Amino acid sequence: MDEPGKRIDLYGERKGLIKSFWFKTFSFYSFDEIWNLFYIKSNDKAIQTIQEGLILNHLTDRGLAYWIRGDGSLQKDRKTMILHTQSYNKNENLILSRELNEKFGFRSEVIAHKNKYWIIKFKSKDVLILHDLIKPHIHSSMRYKLPITIS
């Protein structure tokens, strides 16, 4: 596929304008190792999961920066950040939080979000560590995701 597909509005005041884009990706056997880190097979069905050692063995500061660029949300105080890890259960979030803390020296915690989901919260005490780890890997257009630091 050379160009993304386009969905065009057919009705209303946006008639003829692009509503959304889509694209397809290719799969390669070389990515199976990564897929196996996040999925287990159960009854011929793939189930997404977090396994012990995922962060300790595989996540780098660059990987953390990419994760935050995609799923991080800087709070209004610009010193507290959450990782939107709602697709994982509480136990899986506890594994992620514990391993983030162990590997990078954070004091993150798992909190309830909207009384439905579990997410990881980086406290303001972690701002200096977090800022210094991810800043070299954040493009200038994404700097709004960086927590502020107080000297």
C-alpha atoms as a PDB file:
ATOM      1  CA  MET A   1       0.000   0.000   0.000  1.00  0.00           C
ATOM      2  CA  ASP A   2       1.618   3.246  -1.115  1.00  0.00           C
ATOM      3  CA  GLU A   3      -0.950   5.658   0.281  1.00  0.00           C
ATOM      4  CA  PRO A   4      -3.329   5.487   3.228  1.00  0.00           C
ATOM      5  CA  GLY A   5      -6.962   4.749   2.545  1.00  0.00           C
ATOM      6  CA  LYS A   6      -9.475   7.549   3.052  1.00  0.00           C
ATOM      7  CA  ARG A   7     -13.034   7.616   4.291  1.00  0.00           C
ATOM      8  CA  ILE A   8     -15.041  10.513   2.900  1.00  0.00           C
ATOM      9  CA  ASP A   9     -18.137  11.982   4.534  1.00  0.00           C
ATOM     10  CA  LEU A  10     -21.074  11.339   2.240  1.00  0.00           C
ATOM     11  CA  TYR A  11     -23.726  13.417   3.993  1.00  0.00           C
ATOM     12  CA  GLY A  12     -24.168  16.608   5.985  1.00  0.00           C
ATOM     13  CA  GLU A  13     -22.159  19.796   6.124  1.00  0.00           C
ATOM     14  CA  ARG A  14     -18.851  17.885   5.832  1.00  0.00           C
ATOM     15  CA  LYS A  15     -19.949  16.099   2.641  1.00  0.00           C
ATOM     16  CA  GLY A  16     -16.952  15.337   0.445  1.00  0.00           C
ATOM     17  CA  LEU A  17     -14.374  16.015   3.191  1.00  0.00           C
ATOM     18  CA  ILE A  18     -12.037  13.372   4.586  1.00  0.00           C
ATOM     19  CA  LYS A  19     -13.502  11.739   7.672  1.00  0.00           C
ATOM     20  CA  SER A  20     -10.593   9.436   8.517  1.00  0.00           C
ATOM     21  CA  PHE A  21      -7.502   7.707   7.186  1.00  0.00           C
ATOM     22  CA  TRP A  22      -6.495   4.055   7.491  1.00  0.00           C
ATOM     23  CA  PHE A  23      -3.520   1.954   6.562  1.00  0.00           C
ATOM     24  CA  LYS A  24      -2.370  -1.628   6.699  1.00  0.00           C
ATOM     25  CA  THR A  25       0.838  -2.949   8.140  1.00  0.00           C
ATOM     26  CA  PHE A  26       2.752  -6.053   7.263  1.00  0.00           C
ATOM     27  CA  SER A  27       3.612  -8.803   9.670  1.00  0.00           C
ATOM     28  CA  PHE A  28       7.006 -10.451   9.718  1.00  0.00           C
ATOM     29  CA  TYR A  29       8.157 -13.567  11.532  1.00  0.00           C
ATOM     30  CA  SER A  30      10.990 -11.506  12.968  1.00  0.00           C
ATOM     31  CA  PHE A  31       8.410  -9.742  15.189  1.00  0.00           C
ATOM     32  CA  ASP A  32       7.127 -12.990  16.702  1.00  0.00           C
ATOM     33  CA  GLU A  33       9.572 -12.675  19.593  1.00  0.00           C
ATOM     34  CA  ILE A  34       8.070  -9.296  20.537  1.00  0.00           C
ATOM     35  CA  TRP A  35       4.508 -10.606  20.096  1.00  0.00           C
ATOM     36  CA  ASN A  36       5.309 -13.469  22.458  1.00  0.00           C
ATOM     37  CA  LEU A  37       6.242 -10.985  25.195  1.00  0.00           C
ATOM     38  CA  PHE A  38       2.670  -9.662  25.325  1.00  0.00           C
ATOM     39  CA  TYR A  39       0.463 -12.597  24.363  1.00  0.00           C
ATOM     40  CA  ILE A  40      -0.055 -16.128  25.574  1.00  0.00           C
ATOM     41  CA  LYS A  41      -2.056 -18.804  23.827  1.00  0.00           C
ATOM     42  CA  SER A  42      -4.940 -20.330  25.730  1.00  0.00           C
ATOM     43  CA  ASN A  43      -7.439 -22.683  24.094  1.00  0.00           C
ATOM     44  CA  ASP A  44      -6.245 -21.630  20.610  1.00  0.00           C
ATOM     45  CA  LYS A  45      -6.881 -18.010  21.532  1.00  0.00           C
ATOM     46  CA  ALA A  46      -4.290 -15.258  22.048  1.00  0.00           C
ATOM     47  CA  ILE A  47      -4.683 -13.420  25.339  1.00  0.00           C
ATOM     48  CA  GLN A  48      -2.885 -10.145  26.007  1.00  0.00           C
ATOM     49  CA  THR A  49      -0.963 -10.213  29.268  1.00  0.00           C
ATOM     50  CA  ILE A  50       1.982  -8.795  31.170  1.00  0.00           C
ATOM     51  CA  GLN A  51       4.552 -11.287  32.357  1.00  0.00           C
ATOM     52  CA  GLU A  52       7.134 -10.886  35.106  1.00  0.00           C
ATOM     53  CA  GLY A  53      10.433  -9.479  33.848  1.00  0.00           C
ATOM     54  CA  LEU A  54       9.032  -7.649  30.824  1.00  0.00           C
ATOM     55  CA  ILE A  55      10.319  -4.233  31.889  1.00  0.00           C
ATOM     56  CA  LEU A  56      13.373  -5.459  33.766  1.00  0.00           C
ATOM     57  CA  ASN A  57      14.583  -7.458  30.775  1.00  0.00           C
ATOM     58  CA  HIS A  58      13.422  -5.403  27.808  1.00  0.00           C
ATOM     59  CA  LEU A  59      12.486  -1.749  28.490  1.00  0.00           C
ATOM     60  CA  THR A  60      15.111   0.950  27.936  1.00  0.00           C
ATOM     61  CA  ASP A  61      14.886   4.668  28.653  1.00  0.00           C
ATOM     62  CA  ARG A  62      14.205   5.188  24.933  1.00  0.00           C
ATOM     63  CA  GLY A  63      11.414   2.614  25.085  1.00  0.00           C
ATOM     64  CA  LEU A  64       9.981   4.393  28.126  1.00  0.00           C
ATOM     65  CA  ALA A  65      10.021   7.689  26.195  1.00  0.00           C
ATOM     66  CA  TYR A  66       8.132   6.071  23.297  1.00  0.00           C
ATOM     67  CA  TRP A  67       5.628   4.564  25.714  1.00  0.00           C
ATOM     68  CA  ILE A  68       5.033   7.940  27.347  1.00  0.00           C
ATOM     69  CA  ARG A  69       4.707   9.663  23.966  1.00  0.00           C
ATOM     70  CA  GLY A  70       1.931   7.243  23.097  1.00  0.00           C
ATOM     71  CA  ASP A  71       0.196   6.502  26.392  1.00  0.00           C
ATOM     72  CA  GLY A  72       1.481   9.118  28.834  1.00  0.00           C
ATOM     73  CA  SER A  73      -0.680  11.937  30.080  1.00  0.00           C
ATOM     74  CA  LEU A  74       0.840  14.881  31.896  1.00  0.00           C
ATOM     75  CA  GLN A  75      -1.543  16.190  34.535  1.00  0.00           C
ATOM     76  CA  LYS A  76      -2.531  19.846  35.033  1.00  0.00           C
ATOM     77  CA  ASP A  77       0.210  20.390  37.627  1.00  0.00           C
ATOM     78  CA  ARG A  78       2.728  19.422  34.858  1.00  0.00           C
ATOM     79  CA  LYS A  79       4.620  17.358  37.446  1.00  0.00           C
ATOM     80  CA  THR A  80       2.422  14.277  37.742  1.00  0.00           C
ATOM     81  CA  MET A  81       2.090  11.808  34.887  1.00  0.00           C
ATOM     82  CA  ILE A  82      -0.085   8.811  34.289  1.00  0.00           C
ATOM     83  CA  LEU A  83       0.426   5.915  31.917  1.00  0.00           C
ATOM     84  CA  HIS A  84      -2.832   4.779  30.380  1.00  0.00           C
ATOM     85  CA  THR A  85      -2.546   1.056  31.020  1.00  0.00           C
ATOM     86  CA  GLN A  86      -6.294   0.430  31.213  1.00  0.00           C
ATOM     87  CA  SER A  87      -6.138  -2.647  29.015  1.00  0.00           C
ATOM     88  CA  TYR A  88      -4.345  -4.530  31.787  1.00  0.00           C
ATOM     89  CA  ASN A  89      -5.857  -5.785  35.020  1.00  0.00           C
ATOM     90  CA  LYS A  90      -4.772  -4.618  38.458  1.00  0.00           C
ATOM     91  CA  ASN A  91      -2.240  -7.418  38.954  1.00  0.00           C
ATOM     92  CA  GLU A  92      -0.591  -6.747  35.570  1.00  0.00           C
ATOM     93  CA  ASN A  93      -0.413  -3.026  36.383  1.00  0.00           C
ATOM     94  CA  LEU A  94       1.191  -3.883  39.718  1.00  0.00           C
ATOM     95  CA  ILE A  95       3.843  -5.894  37.867  1.00  0.00           C
ATOM     96  CA  LEU A  96       4.507  -2.983  35.486  1.00  0.00           C
ATOM     97  CA  SER A  97       4.663  -0.417  38.293  1.00  0.00           C
ATOM     98  CA  ARG A  98       6.927  -2.556  40.485  1.00  0.00           C
ATOM     99  CA  GLU A  99       9.333  -3.218  37.621  1.00  0.00           C
ATOM    100  CA  LEU A 100       9.365   0.456  36.540  1.00  0.00           C
ATOM    101  CA  ASN A 101      10.228   1.374  40.119  1.00  0.00           C
ATOM    102  CA  GLU A 102      12.941  -1.254  40.379  1.00  0.00           C
ATOM    103  CA  LYS A 103      14.566  -0.546  37.025  1.00  0.00           C
ATOM    104  CA  PHE A 104      14.396   3.265  36.943  1.00  0.00           C
ATOM    105  CA  GLY A 105      14.116   4.243  40.632  1.00  0.00           C
ATOM    106  CA  PHE A 106      10.554   5.577  40.467  1.00  0.00           C
ATOM    107  CA  ARG A 107       7.907   5.464  43.171  1.00  0.00           C
ATOM    108  CA  SER A 108       5.017   4.927  40.778  1.00  0.00           C
ATOM    109  CA  GLU A 109       1.761   3.441  41.986  1.00  0.00           C
ATOM    110  CA  VAL A 110      -1.293   1.771  40.535  1.00  0.00           C
ATOM    111  CA  ILE A 111      -4.502   3.734  40.981  1.00  0.00           C
ATOM    112  CA  ALA A 112      -8.127   3.316  39.979  1.00  0.00           C
ATOM    113  CA  HIS A 113      -9.187   5.432  37.005  1.00  0.00           C
ATOM    114  CA  LYS A 114     -12.837   6.437  36.594  1.00  0.00           C
ATOM    115  CA  ASN A 115     -13.711   3.612  39.016  1.00  0.00           C
ATOM    116  CA  LYS A 116     -13.352   1.171  36.095  1.00  0.00           C
ATOM    117  CA  TYR A 117      -9.714   0.761  35.152  1.00  0.00           C
ATOM    118  CA  TRP A 118      -6.243   0.620  36.613  1.00  0.00           C
ATOM    119  CA  ILE A 119      -3.461   2.973  35.527  1.00  0.00           C
ATOM    120  CA  ILE A 120       0.067   3.802  36.620  1.00  0.00           C
ATOM    121  CA  LYS A 121       0.717   7.165  38.234  1.00  0.00           C
ATOM    122  CA  PHE A 122       4.146   8.781  38.498  1.00  0.00           C
ATOM    123  CA  LYS A 123       4.199  11.055  41.512  1.00  0.00           C
ATOM    124  CA  SER A 124       5.719  14.523  41.405  1.00  0.00           C
ATOM    125  CA  LYS A 125       8.682  13.110  43.397  1.00  0.00           C
ATOM    126  CA  ASP A 126       9.630  11.165  40.251  1.00  0.00           C
ATOM    127  CA  VAL A 127       9.639  14.224  37.980  1.00  0.00           C
ATOM    128  CA  LEU A 128      13.404  14.743  37.870  1.00  0.00           C
ATOM    129  CA  ILE A 129      14.162  11.086  37.127  1.00  0.00           C
ATOM    130  CA  LEU A 130      11.421  10.867  34.514  1.00  0.00           C
ATOM    131  CA  HIS A 131      12.361  14.156  32.843  1.00  0.00           C
ATOM    132  CA  ASP A 132      16.060  13.277  32.600  1.00  0.00           C
ATOM    133  CA  LEU A 133      15.387   9.757  31.277  1.00  0.00           C
ATOM    134  CA  ILE A 134      12.994  10.651  28.482  1.00  0.00           C
ATOM    135  CA  LYS A 135      14.048  14.149  27.382  1.00  0.00           C
ATOM    136  CA  PRO A 136      16.816  12.960  24.998  1.00  0.00           C
ATOM    137  CA  HIS A 137      14.271  10.781  23.206  1.00  0.00           C
ATOM    138  CA  ILE A 138      11.388  13.241  22.908  1.00  0.00           C
ATOM    139  CA  HIS A 139      11.033  15.133  19.638  1.00  0.00           C
ATOM    140  CA  SER A 140      10.526  18.896  20.022  1.00  0.00           C
ATOM    141  CA  SER A 141       6.935  18.554  18.787  1.00  0.00           C
ATOM    142  CA  MET A 142       6.218  16.262  21.751  1.00  0.00           C
ATOM    143  CA  ARG A 143       7.931  18.332  24.473  1.00  0.00           C
ATOM    144  CA  TYR A 144       4.543  19.212  25.941  1.00  0.00           C
ATOM    145  CA  LYS A 145       4.627  15.648  27.333  1.00  0.00           C
ATOM    146  CA  LEU A 146       7.729  16.425  29.415  1.00  0.00           C
ATOM    147  CA  PRO A 147       7.142  17.108  33.095  1.00  0.00           C
ATOM    148  CA  ILE A 148       8.464  20.415  34.361  1.00  0.00           C
ATOM    149  CA  THR A 149      11.399  20.411  36.721  1.00  0.00           C
ATOM    150  CA  ILE A 150      11.955  22.796  39.599  1.00  0.00           C
ATOM    151  CA  SER A 151      15.568  23.730  40.283  1.00  0.00           C
END
